[in-house]
Amino acid sequence: MTPGAPASPDAISSREANSYDFVRFCAASAVLFSHHFDLAGLPEPQVPGYGGDFGELGVEIFFCLSGFLICRSLQKSAGWTRFILARVLRIFPNLAFVLVATSAVTLFWYGNYANLRPHAEYVTDNLLMLLKGVTFVIPGIFTDAVKPAVNEPIWTLPYEMWCYVLLALMFLAGGRRAAICIVLGAIVISIAWSATPAIGDFKIGHLDSQDIFGLGSFFLSGAVLAVFWPQIGKHALAIGAAGLIGIFLIRNLLPVDTILLSLAFAAATIGLGSSRTMAWFSKGGDASYGIYVFAWPVQQFSLLLVGAFWPSLLAAFLATAALGYATWHTFEKRVMSYPDRIAKSLRRASPVQNNPSS
C-alpha cells in the first residue's frame, strides 16, 4: 500500500492505517482557533465558502468521524460490556481530570473560597451532564474576562453521548435490521434538522432540538458510511474528493441544511482521512480530546496573562497541545486498554455473551 493510498476497509480502525488522528488534531485546533476570537470579544472567523466558523467546522468533523468509528466499533464489538466500558473510559477520566483541575486552579487563583460549594458542584454536575446538562459558570470566576464561562466547549459532550446511546439502540435490532435503522434514522433526523428553522428551536430535556438534529445528522451520516464501507471503502479517496466538492456546492446552492450536506461532510472527512499520508502523526498519540476539553480554560488564562491576541493564541495552543499529549500518554492510552481486560474477565466468569452485531 502506498503512503497516500486509502487504508483497506478491514484496516480502517487501525490508528496506523489512516490519518484520523491528524484529522482529529486539526479539528480540535480549529475549535481552539475559533474560540480565541470569541474569548477576546471578536467575531469568530468564517470558513471561506462554507458559511460557518472554524469552531463549527471542527465540531462537525468530530461528529462525522465519531459516528463512523463508533459504528465500526459496534460492528466488530465482542460484546456490550466492552463497548460501554470503552465509551465511558474514553470520555470520563479526562473529563473528570479537567473539571477537577480547572475548579481547583480557579479556586486558588481567584481566592474564591466563599464559593467553595459551587466549585464542587461544577465538577459533580458536569460529570452527570448526560442527565443534567452542562454547568458553565462558577460564581466569582473569570469575572475579569470577556466571557465568564469556565469551559464552554464541553456543551457538545452530552449530545455526543446521546448519539452513542441512539446508535447502540439501533444495533439492538441486529444484523441488516440495524443497518436499515441507521439509514432510516439518518433520514428522519435530517428531515427534523431541515424543518427546525421553520418550526423553531425547542427543548428536549436539557438539550436544544436544533443541536440534537444537526449534530445527530452529522453523527448518523458517519454511521451510514460505516454501514456501506465494506463495499465502498476501496474508493475512499474518490469519495472524499467528491464529498469535499459537494460540501461547497450544497452550502452555496441549497437554502436549508439537509442530509446531503452531512453526508457530503462525512464523505470528505472519512474518505480523505482514510489516506495514509498523515498516518505517521498517530505515533505521537491522540491529543485531540485533551486539547478539546482543556483549550477554553487555558485560553482564558492566556488572554488574561499575555493579553495580546496572537501571542496569547500561540501560548494557549502550545500549552493546550502539551496538556493533550501529556494526558494521553499519562493515562488516556493506558485506560483505553482496560475495556478488553475487563470484558475478557467477565466472559470467563459468565458463559453468556451478548454481541452487539448479532
Protein backbone atom coordinates (compact mmCIF):
# COMPACT_ATOMS: atom_id res chain seq x y z
CA MET A 1 0.00 0.00 0.00
CA THR A 2 1.47 3.38 -1.00
CA PRO A 3 1.70 6.14 1.64
CA GLY A 4 -1.06 8.20 0.05
CA ALA A 5 -3.40 5.31 -0.59
CA PRO A 6 -6.56 4.74 1.42
CA ALA A 7 -6.49 2.09 4.09
CA SER A 8 -8.31 -1.11 3.32
CA PRO A 9 -11.85 -1.47 4.71
CA ASP A 10 -10.63 -4.13 7.14
CA ALA A 11 -7.78 -1.96 8.43
CA ILE A 12 -9.69 1.31 8.71
CA SER A 13 -9.99 1.17 12.50
CA SER A 14 -6.23 0.72 12.95
CA ARG A 15 -4.71 4.03 14.00
CA GLU A 16 -1.56 3.39 11.97
CA ALA A 17 -3.55 2.68 8.81
CA ASN A 18 -5.14 6.12 8.34
CA SER A 19 -4.80 9.82 9.09
CA TYR A 20 -7.72 10.13 11.51
CA ASP A 21 -5.54 11.19 14.46
CA PHE A 22 -4.27 14.05 12.31
CA VAL A 23 -7.85 14.94 11.29
CA ARG A 24 -8.93 14.99 14.95
CA PHE A 25 -5.94 17.15 15.90
CA CYS A 26 -6.79 19.64 13.16
CA ALA A 27 -10.46 19.68 14.21
CA ALA A 28 -9.57 20.37 17.86
CA SER A 29 -7.11 23.07 16.77
CA ALA A 30 -9.80 24.69 14.60
CA VAL A 31 -12.13 24.86 17.61
CA LEU A 32 -9.35 26.42 19.73
CA PHE A 33 -8.53 28.94 16.98
CA SER A 34 -12.16 29.99 16.55
CA HIS A 35 -12.90 30.26 20.26
CA HIS A 36 -9.89 32.51 20.86
CA PHE A 37 -11.65 35.21 18.85
CA ASP A 38 -14.84 34.69 20.85
CA LEU A 39 -12.95 34.88 24.16
CA ALA A 40 -11.29 38.10 23.02
CA GLY A 41 -14.66 39.64 22.20
CA LEU A 42 -14.16 39.39 18.43
CA PRO A 43 -16.34 37.73 15.75
CA GLU A 44 -15.30 34.15 15.05
CA PRO A 45 -13.82 33.94 11.51
CA GLN A 46 -15.86 32.16 8.87
CA VAL A 47 -14.53 29.30 6.77
CA PRO A 48 -14.32 30.64 3.20
CA GLY A 49 -17.14 29.30 1.06
CA TYR A 50 -18.64 27.24 3.89
CA GLY A 51 -20.93 29.60 5.76
CA GLY A 52 -19.84 28.54 9.24
CA ASP A 53 -16.98 29.39 11.57
CA PHE A 54 -13.93 27.23 12.26
CA GLY A 55 -15.36 26.05 15.59
CA GLU A 56 -18.48 24.72 13.91
CA LEU A 57 -16.35 23.06 11.25
CA GLY A 58 -14.24 21.32 13.89
CA VAL A 59 -17.25 20.03 15.83
CA GLU A 60 -18.91 18.72 12.66
CA ILE A 61 -15.71 16.87 11.75
CA PHE A 62 -15.66 15.29 15.21
CA PHE A 63 -19.27 14.11 14.96
CA CYS A 64 -18.92 12.65 11.45
CA LEU A 65 -15.77 10.78 12.39
CA SER A 66 -17.23 9.66 15.71
CA GLY A 67 -20.35 8.27 14.04
CA PHE A 68 -18.23 6.34 11.57
CA LEU A 69 -15.76 4.91 14.09
CA ILE A 70 -18.34 4.13 16.77
CA CYS A 71 -20.47 2.29 14.22
CA ARG A 72 -17.43 0.32 13.06
CA SER A 73 -16.66 -0.46 16.69
CA LEU A 74 -20.19 -1.77 17.23
CA GLN A 75 -19.96 -3.87 14.07
CA LYS A 76 -16.84 -5.59 15.39
CA SER A 77 -17.54 -5.46 19.13
CA ALA A 78 -17.16 -8.64 21.13
CA GLY A 79 -19.97 -7.62 23.46
CA TRP A 80 -21.89 -4.80 25.05
CA THR A 81 -19.70 -4.74 28.15
CA ARG A 82 -16.60 -3.95 26.14
CA PHE A 83 -18.40 -1.29 24.08
CA ILE A 84 -19.89 0.53 27.08
CA LEU A 85 -16.63 0.43 29.03
CA ALA A 86 -14.71 1.78 26.04
CA ARG A 87 -17.07 4.75 25.65
CA VAL A 88 -17.13 5.57 29.36
CA LEU A 89 -13.36 5.29 29.75
CA ARG A 90 -12.73 7.36 26.63
CA ILE A 91 -14.78 10.31 27.90
CA PHE A 92 -14.89 10.45 31.68
CA PRO A 93 -11.32 10.08 33.03
CA ASN A 94 -10.01 13.10 31.12
CA LEU A 95 -13.25 14.98 31.67
CA ALA A 96 -13.05 14.38 35.43
CA PHE A 97 -9.40 15.48 35.41
CA VAL A 98 -10.04 18.75 33.57
CA LEU A 99 -13.07 19.54 35.73
CA VAL A 100 -11.20 18.97 38.99
CA ALA A 101 -8.03 20.72 37.78
CA THR A 102 -9.90 23.75 36.45
CA SER A 103 -12.09 24.03 39.53
CA ALA A 104 -9.06 23.82 41.85
CA VAL A 105 -6.83 26.20 39.88
CA THR A 106 -9.53 28.86 39.55
CA LEU A 107 -10.47 28.48 43.22
CA PHE A 108 -6.92 29.29 44.34
CA TRP A 109 -6.21 31.84 41.59
CA TYR A 110 -9.24 33.96 42.44
CA GLY A 111 -9.25 33.13 46.16
CA ASN A 112 -12.87 32.18 45.62
CA TYR A 113 -13.25 30.31 48.92
CA ALA A 114 -16.65 31.88 49.64
CA ASN A 115 -17.96 29.87 46.66
CA LEU A 116 -16.33 26.56 47.56
CA ARG A 117 -19.61 24.67 47.17
CA PRO A 118 -20.25 25.90 43.57
CA HIS A 119 -16.70 24.78 42.72
CA ALA A 120 -17.54 21.27 43.93
CA GLU A 121 -20.94 21.32 42.20
CA TYR A 122 -19.27 22.40 38.95
CA VAL A 123 -17.36 19.10 39.00
CA THR A 124 -20.18 16.80 40.13
CA ASP A 125 -22.88 18.37 37.96
CA ASN A 126 -20.76 18.17 34.82
CA LEU A 127 -19.88 14.55 35.48
CA LEU A 128 -23.67 13.98 35.33
CA MET A 129 -24.08 16.11 32.21
CA LEU A 130 -25.70 13.27 30.28
CA LEU A 131 -28.73 13.64 32.55
CA LYS A 132 -28.43 17.18 33.91
CA GLY A 133 -26.87 19.22 31.12
CA VAL A 134 -23.71 21.30 31.34
CA THR A 135 -22.80 23.85 34.03
CA PHE A 136 -20.69 26.63 32.54
CA VAL A 137 -20.24 29.24 35.27
CA ILE A 138 -18.78 29.25 38.77
CA PRO A 139 -19.71 32.43 40.70
CA GLY A 140 -16.70 34.67 41.18
CA ILE A 141 -14.61 33.06 38.41
CA PHE A 142 -13.46 34.80 35.21
CA THR A 143 -15.40 37.93 36.12
CA ASP A 144 -12.42 39.86 34.69
CA ALA A 145 -12.68 38.03 31.34
CA VAL A 146 -14.81 38.86 28.29
CA LYS A 147 -16.82 35.68 28.85
CA PRO A 148 -17.32 34.16 32.33
CA ALA A 149 -17.79 30.56 31.16
CA VAL A 150 -15.26 28.18 32.71
CA ASN A 151 -15.33 25.62 29.87
CA GLU A 152 -17.92 26.28 27.19
CA PRO A 153 -16.89 23.67 24.54
CA ILE A 154 -17.94 20.74 26.74
CA TRP A 155 -21.54 21.56 25.81
CA THR A 156 -21.17 19.11 22.89
CA LEU A 157 -20.33 16.10 25.09
CA PRO A 158 -23.88 15.20 26.22
CA TYR A 159 -25.02 15.40 22.58
CA GLU A 160 -22.26 13.01 21.56
CA MET A 161 -23.06 10.63 24.42
CA TRP A 162 -26.74 10.55 23.48
CA CYS A 163 -25.69 9.81 19.91
CA TYR A 164 -23.80 6.79 21.27
CA VAL A 165 -26.95 5.66 23.07
CA LEU A 166 -29.09 6.12 19.95
CA LEU A 167 -26.68 4.16 17.77
CA ALA A 168 -26.42 1.36 20.34
CA LEU A 169 -30.22 1.09 20.45
CA MET A 170 -30.26 0.76 16.66
CA PHE A 171 -27.82 -2.12 16.91
CA LEU A 172 -30.22 -3.93 19.22
CA ALA A 173 -32.26 -4.66 16.08
CA GLY A 174 -29.36 -6.86 14.96
CA GLY A 175 -27.76 -7.57 11.58
CA ARG A 176 -29.31 -6.00 8.50
CA ARG A 177 -32.14 -4.51 10.54
CA ALA A 178 -29.58 -2.41 12.41
CA ALA A 179 -28.23 -1.09 9.10
CA ILE A 180 -31.76 -0.22 7.97
CA CYS A 181 -32.41 1.56 11.30
CA ILE A 182 -29.23 3.62 10.85
CA VAL A 183 -30.15 4.71 7.33
CA LEU A 184 -33.76 5.50 8.25
CA GLY A 185 -32.65 7.24 11.44
CA ALA A 186 -30.25 9.45 9.48
CA ILE A 187 -33.04 10.40 7.07
CA VAL A 188 -35.57 11.16 9.82
CA ILE A 189 -33.21 13.24 11.95
CA SER A 190 -32.04 15.19 8.92
CA ILE A 191 -35.64 15.99 7.99
CA ALA A 192 -36.15 17.32 11.52
CA TRP A 193 -32.92 19.33 11.13
CA SER A 194 -34.16 20.87 7.88
CA ALA A 195 -37.55 21.70 9.45
CA THR A 196 -36.18 23.30 12.62
CA PRO A 197 -35.75 26.83 11.16
CA ALA A 198 -39.43 26.78 10.17
CA ILE A 199 -40.89 25.31 13.37
CA GLY A 200 -38.45 26.99 15.75
CA ASP A 201 -35.96 25.61 18.24
CA PHE A 202 -37.31 23.82 21.31
CA LYS A 203 -36.00 21.86 24.27
CA ILE A 204 -35.81 18.09 24.51
CA GLY A 205 -34.98 17.63 28.16
CA HIS A 206 -31.91 19.83 28.73
CA LEU A 207 -30.85 19.69 25.07
CA ASP A 208 -31.67 22.06 22.21
CA SER A 209 -33.56 20.45 19.33
CA GLN A 210 -31.55 22.27 16.65
CA ASP A 211 -28.30 20.95 18.05
CA ILE A 212 -29.73 17.45 18.56
CA PHE A 213 -30.90 17.23 14.97
CA GLY A 214 -27.89 19.00 13.45
CA LEU A 215 -25.14 17.16 15.32
CA GLY A 216 -27.15 13.93 15.17
CA SER A 217 -27.33 14.25 11.39
CA PHE A 218 -23.55 14.55 11.11
CA PHE A 219 -23.06 11.64 13.52
CA LEU A 220 -25.52 9.32 11.75
CA SER A 221 -24.17 10.29 8.34
CA GLY A 222 -20.81 8.99 9.52
CA ALA A 223 -22.55 5.82 10.70
CA VAL A 224 -24.27 5.43 7.30
CA LEU A 225 -20.86 5.45 5.63
CA ALA A 226 -19.69 2.79 8.09
CA VAL A 227 -22.66 0.59 7.09
CA PHE A 228 -21.61 0.68 3.43
CA TRP A 229 -17.86 0.93 3.97
CA PRO A 230 -17.06 -2.74 3.16
CA GLN A 231 -18.46 -2.10 -0.33
CA ILE A 232 -17.26 1.47 -0.94
CA GLY A 233 -14.09 1.72 1.14
CA LYS A 234 -11.80 0.85 -1.77
CA HIS A 235 -12.91 4.13 -3.40
CA ALA A 236 -12.27 6.16 -0.24
CA LEU A 237 -10.18 8.96 -1.75
CA ALA A 238 -12.59 9.48 -4.66
CA ILE A 239 -15.48 9.56 -2.18
CA GLY A 240 -13.58 12.08 -0.08
CA ALA A 241 -12.86 14.35 -3.05
CA ALA A 242 -16.49 14.17 -4.19
CA GLY A 243 -17.65 14.94 -0.66
CA LEU A 244 -15.37 17.99 -0.44
CA ILE A 245 -16.72 19.38 -3.70
CA GLY A 246 -20.26 18.52 -2.62
CA ILE A 247 -19.93 20.45 0.66
CA PHE A 248 -19.27 23.77 -1.05
CA LEU A 249 -21.85 23.21 -3.79
CA ILE A 250 -24.58 22.23 -1.31
CA ARG A 251 -23.74 25.05 1.10
CA ASN A 252 -24.00 27.64 -1.65
CA LEU A 253 -26.93 26.22 -3.61
CA LEU A 254 -29.39 24.93 -1.00
CA PRO A 255 -31.16 27.40 1.31
CA VAL A 256 -31.57 24.89 4.16
CA ASP A 257 -29.38 22.24 5.77
CA THR A 258 -30.19 18.69 4.66
CA ILE A 259 -28.76 15.20 4.85
CA LEU A 260 -26.97 15.96 1.60
CA LEU A 261 -24.69 18.33 3.50
CA SER A 262 -23.99 15.98 6.39
CA LEU A 263 -23.39 13.05 4.03
CA ALA A 264 -21.03 15.13 1.89
CA PHE A 265 -19.24 16.27 5.04
CA ALA A 266 -18.93 12.70 6.30
CA ALA A 267 -17.68 11.54 2.89
CA ALA A 268 -14.99 14.24 2.82
CA THR A 269 -13.90 13.65 6.44
CA ILE A 270 -13.81 9.87 6.31
CA GLY A 271 -12.75 9.42 2.71
CA LEU A 272 -9.82 11.85 2.78
CA GLY A 273 -8.94 10.87 6.35
CA SER A 274 -8.57 7.24 5.28
CA SER A 275 -5.39 8.16 3.41
CA ARG A 276 -2.13 7.01 5.00
CA THR A 277 -0.41 10.29 4.05
CA MET A 278 -0.50 11.59 7.63
CA ALA A 279 -0.63 8.19 9.35
CA TRP A 280 2.79 8.90 10.90
CA PHE A 281 1.09 11.57 13.03
CA SER A 282 -0.52 8.87 15.18
CA LYS A 283 2.89 7.83 16.50
CA GLY A 284 2.76 10.77 18.87
CA GLY A 285 -0.62 9.70 20.24
CA ASP A 286 -4.09 11.23 20.08
CA ALA A 287 -4.12 14.60 21.84
CA SER A 288 -7.38 15.80 20.28
CA TYR A 289 -9.74 15.09 23.18
CA GLY A 290 -7.34 16.60 25.69
CA ILE A 291 -6.98 19.69 23.50
CA TYR A 292 -10.74 19.97 23.17
CA VAL A 293 -11.55 19.82 26.88
CA PHE A 294 -8.56 21.87 28.12
CA ALA A 295 -8.45 24.61 25.47
CA TRP A 296 -11.06 27.05 26.79
CA PRO A 297 -9.80 27.45 30.39
CA VAL A 298 -6.19 27.60 29.16
CA GLN A 299 -7.20 30.29 26.67
CA GLN A 300 -8.96 32.24 29.39
CA PHE A 301 -5.77 32.40 31.44
CA SER A 302 -3.62 33.02 28.38
CA LEU A 303 -5.64 36.09 27.42
CA LEU A 304 -5.61 37.39 30.99
CA LEU A 305 -1.86 36.88 31.45
CA VAL A 306 -0.45 37.57 27.97
CA GLY A 307 -3.09 40.00 26.75
CA ALA A 308 -2.08 40.49 23.10
CA PHE A 309 -4.25 38.38 20.81
CA TRP A 310 -1.78 36.49 18.60
CA PRO A 311 0.87 35.83 21.27
CA SER A 312 -1.86 34.63 23.66
CA LEU A 313 -3.26 32.36 20.94
CA LEU A 314 0.18 30.84 20.33
CA ALA A 315 0.81 30.40 24.06
CA ALA A 316 -2.62 28.79 24.54
CA PHE A 317 -2.14 26.43 21.59
CA LEU A 318 1.29 25.25 22.76
CA ALA A 319 0.14 24.81 26.38
CA THR A 320 -3.06 23.02 25.38
CA ALA A 321 -1.31 20.71 22.92
CA ALA A 322 1.22 19.84 25.63
CA LEU A 323 -1.61 19.05 28.05
CA GLY A 324 -3.37 16.97 25.39
CA TYR A 325 -0.32 14.81 24.75
CA ALA A 326 0.54 14.64 28.44
CA THR A 327 -2.90 13.34 29.43
CA TRP A 328 -2.88 10.89 26.50
CA HIS A 329 0.43 9.34 27.48
CA THR A 330 -0.13 9.62 31.23
CA PHE A 331 -3.48 7.88 31.49
CA GLU A 332 -5.76 8.09 28.40
CA LYS A 333 -3.84 5.50 26.37
CA ARG A 334 -3.44 3.27 29.42
CA VAL A 335 -7.12 3.48 30.37
CA MET A 336 -8.16 2.51 26.84
CA SER A 337 -6.66 -0.95 27.38
CA TYR A 338 -8.98 -1.66 30.32
CA PRO A 339 -12.22 -2.46 28.39
CA ASP A 340 -10.69 -5.53 26.75
CA ARG A 341 -9.23 -6.76 30.03
CA ILE A 342 -12.45 -6.30 31.98
CA ALA A 343 -14.62 -7.76 29.20
CA LYS A 344 -12.37 -10.85 28.96
CA SER A 345 -12.56 -11.33 32.72
CA LEU A 346 -16.34 -11.10 32.66
CA ARG A 347 -16.59 -13.51 29.71
CA ARG A 348 -14.51 -16.04 31.58
CA ALA A 349 -16.78 -15.64 34.59
CA SER A 350 -20.02 -15.95 32.58
CA PRO A 351 -20.86 -18.36 29.73
CA VAL A 352 -23.48 -15.93 28.34
CA GLN A 353 -22.21 -13.46 25.74
CA ASN A 354 -24.20 -10.71 24.10
CA ASN A 355 -22.74 -9.43 20.84
CA PRO A 356 -24.00 -6.03 19.58
CA SER A 357 -23.63 -7.10 15.96
CA SER A 358 -25.61 -10.31 16.34
